[in-house]
Protein backbone atom coordinates (compact mmCIF):
# COMPACT_ATOMS: atom_id res chain seq x y z
CA MET A 1 -9.50 -28.95 -70.86
CA HIS A 2 -10.21 -31.30 -68.00
CA SER A 3 -8.44 -31.24 -64.66
CA LEU A 4 -8.46 -33.49 -61.64
CA LEU A 5 -9.75 -30.46 -59.74
CA ASP A 6 -13.02 -30.80 -61.67
CA TYR A 7 -14.08 -33.85 -59.63
CA ASP A 8 -15.97 -34.10 -56.37
CA VAL A 9 -13.95 -35.44 -53.44
CA LYS A 10 -16.02 -38.67 -53.35
CA ILE A 11 -15.14 -39.40 -56.97
CA LEU A 12 -11.47 -38.70 -56.26
CA LEU A 13 -11.62 -41.08 -53.29
CA ALA A 14 -13.05 -43.75 -55.59
CA TRP A 15 -10.30 -43.02 -58.12
CA GLY A 16 -7.67 -43.44 -55.42
CA GLU A 17 -9.08 -46.84 -54.49
CA SER A 18 -9.23 -47.76 -58.16
CA LEU A 19 -5.53 -46.88 -58.49
CA LYS A 20 -4.81 -49.24 -55.59
CA GLY A 21 -6.27 -52.06 -57.66
CA ASP A 22 -9.77 -52.36 -56.23
CA GLY A 23 -11.77 -53.34 -59.29
CA ARG A 24 -15.08 -52.48 -57.61
CA PHE A 25 -14.09 -48.82 -57.67
CA THR A 26 -12.83 -49.02 -61.24
CA ASP A 27 -16.20 -50.54 -62.22
CA PHE A 28 -18.01 -47.82 -60.27
CA LEU A 29 -16.13 -45.11 -62.16
CA LEU A 30 -16.67 -46.86 -65.47
CA HIS A 31 -20.42 -47.32 -65.04
CA ASN A 32 -21.30 -44.08 -63.26
CA GLY A 33 -20.16 -41.42 -65.67
CA PHE A 34 -16.41 -41.34 -65.04
CA PRO A 35 -14.92 -43.74 -67.61
CA GLU A 36 -12.03 -41.30 -68.10
CA LEU A 37 -10.85 -41.88 -64.52
CA ALA A 38 -11.13 -45.65 -64.96
CA ALA A 39 -9.09 -45.31 -68.15
CA LEU A 40 -6.57 -43.05 -66.40
CA THR A 41 -6.18 -45.70 -63.69
CA ASN A 42 -5.42 -48.29 -66.33
CA ALA A 43 -3.12 -45.97 -68.27
CA ILE A 44 -1.10 -45.28 -65.13
CA HIS A 45 -0.89 -49.06 -64.73
CA SER A 46 0.73 -49.21 -68.22
CA ASP A 47 -2.34 -50.21 -70.22
CA THR A 48 -1.74 -48.75 -73.68
CA ASP A 49 -5.34 -49.44 -74.78
CA ALA A 50 -6.56 -47.18 -71.96
CA LEU A 51 -4.08 -44.51 -73.05
CA LYS A 52 -5.46 -44.72 -76.59
CA TRP A 53 -9.04 -44.56 -75.25
CA LEU A 54 -8.23 -41.32 -73.42
CA MET A 55 -6.77 -39.82 -76.61
CA ASP A 56 -9.69 -40.94 -78.77
CA ASN A 57 -12.47 -39.91 -76.37
CA GLY A 58 -11.73 -36.30 -75.53
CA TYR A 59 -9.28 -36.66 -72.65
CA PRO A 60 -5.87 -36.13 -74.24
CA GLU A 61 -4.68 -34.16 -71.20
CA PHE A 62 -5.19 -37.26 -69.03
CA ALA A 63 -3.30 -39.43 -71.52
CA ILE A 64 -0.51 -36.85 -71.51
CA LEU A 65 -0.65 -36.77 -67.70
CA SER A 66 -0.03 -40.51 -67.60
CA ASP A 67 2.99 -40.08 -69.86
CA ALA A 68 4.25 -37.11 -67.80
CA ILE A 69 3.98 -39.22 -64.65
CA ASP A 70 6.25 -41.70 -66.49
CA ASP A 71 8.76 -38.84 -66.96
CA GLU A 72 8.34 -38.54 -70.73
CA ASP A 73 9.84 -35.17 -71.71
CA GLU A 74 7.38 -34.41 -74.52
CA ALA A 75 4.42 -34.99 -72.20
CA ILE A 76 5.89 -32.77 -69.49
CA GLU A 77 6.48 -30.02 -72.06
CA TRP A 78 2.95 -30.43 -73.46
CA LEU A 79 1.35 -29.91 -70.03
CA GLU A 80 3.44 -26.78 -69.54
CA ARG A 81 2.82 -25.44 -73.06
CA TYR A 82 -0.95 -25.78 -72.69
CA HIS A 83 -0.94 -24.30 -69.18
CA CYS A 84 -2.20 -27.43 -67.47
CA ASP A 85 -0.59 -26.14 -64.30
CA PHE A 86 -2.31 -28.42 -61.81
CA LEU A 87 -1.77 -31.53 -63.92
CA SER A 88 1.85 -30.52 -64.45
CA LYS A 89 2.41 -30.13 -60.68
CA PHE A 90 0.58 -33.39 -60.04
CA ALA A 91 2.77 -35.29 -62.51
CA ALA A 92 5.91 -33.73 -61.02
CA ALA A 93 4.82 -34.72 -57.52
CA CYS A 94 4.17 -38.26 -58.74
CA ARG A 95 7.76 -38.27 -60.04
CA LYS A 96 8.87 -37.28 -56.51
CA ASP A 97 9.77 -33.69 -57.36
CA ASP A 98 10.33 -32.12 -53.92
CA GLU A 99 9.08 -28.66 -54.92
CA ALA A 100 5.85 -30.07 -56.37
CA ILE A 101 5.24 -32.24 -53.31
CA ARG A 102 5.86 -29.24 -51.06
CA TRP A 103 3.27 -27.26 -53.07
CA PHE A 104 0.61 -29.93 -52.42
CA VAL A 105 1.48 -29.91 -48.72
CA GLU A 106 1.36 -26.11 -48.54
CA GLN A 107 -2.01 -26.06 -50.29
CA ASP A 108 -3.25 -28.67 -47.79
CA LEU A 109 -4.41 -30.97 -50.60
CA LYS A 110 -4.39 -34.10 -48.45
CA LEU A 111 -6.46 -36.26 -50.79
CA PHE A 112 -4.15 -35.52 -53.69
CA ILE A 113 -1.14 -36.28 -51.49
CA LEU A 114 -2.63 -39.71 -50.75
CA ILE A 115 -3.23 -40.31 -54.46
CA ILE A 116 0.33 -39.19 -55.25
CA ARG A 117 1.65 -41.69 -52.68
CA THR A 118 -0.40 -44.42 -54.31
CA ILE A 119 1.09 -43.53 -57.69
CA HIS A 120 4.59 -43.56 -56.13
CA ASP A 121 3.91 -47.18 -55.13
CA ILE A 122 2.64 -48.03 -58.61
CA LEU A 123 5.79 -46.57 -60.20
CA LEU A 124 7.98 -48.47 -57.75
CA PHE A 125 6.30 -51.77 -58.58
CA GLN A 126 6.54 -50.99 -62.30
CA SER A 127 10.27 -50.39 -61.98
CA TRP A 128 10.64 -53.76 -60.26
CA ASP A 129 8.52 -55.42 -62.95
CA SER A 130 10.53 -53.84 -65.76
CA SER A 131 13.59 -55.74 -64.60
CA ASP A 132 11.66 -59.04 -64.55
CA VAL A 133 11.97 -60.77 -67.94
CA HIS A 134 8.78 -62.75 -67.23
CA ARG A 135 6.54 -59.65 -67.22
CA ARG A 136 5.15 -57.68 -70.17
CA ARG A 137 2.97 -54.63 -70.77
CA ARG A 138 -0.70 -55.50 -70.54
CA SER A 139 -1.59 -54.32 -74.03
């Protein structure tokens, strides 16, 4: 199975910028051998087509990660059942679980902490958008 730990720091930096909405970095990931991270960006931004792409193209753990970040119980259980420990901790930290955040701090995983903060912002904006009757999911 794949893990976010599998990626070089430069690729993770690009993914972080992609998550912030910089399309140049999403395009970079897409066209330079990391389409799964571009799809994960879009899945985290509620794009159901990207979620399906992850499932259909050999990255189900990243699709499940996106759902676990959204606090879906079955996804959280799946990550635990298949011993995706890092992804499980990452999803918990993205959901603002204090113990998981503390673990990232104790491990001195600064880049992941920055990415987690970016995802916190995404989730906050999504919660605002969900109460706006003029917005819809992108897919």
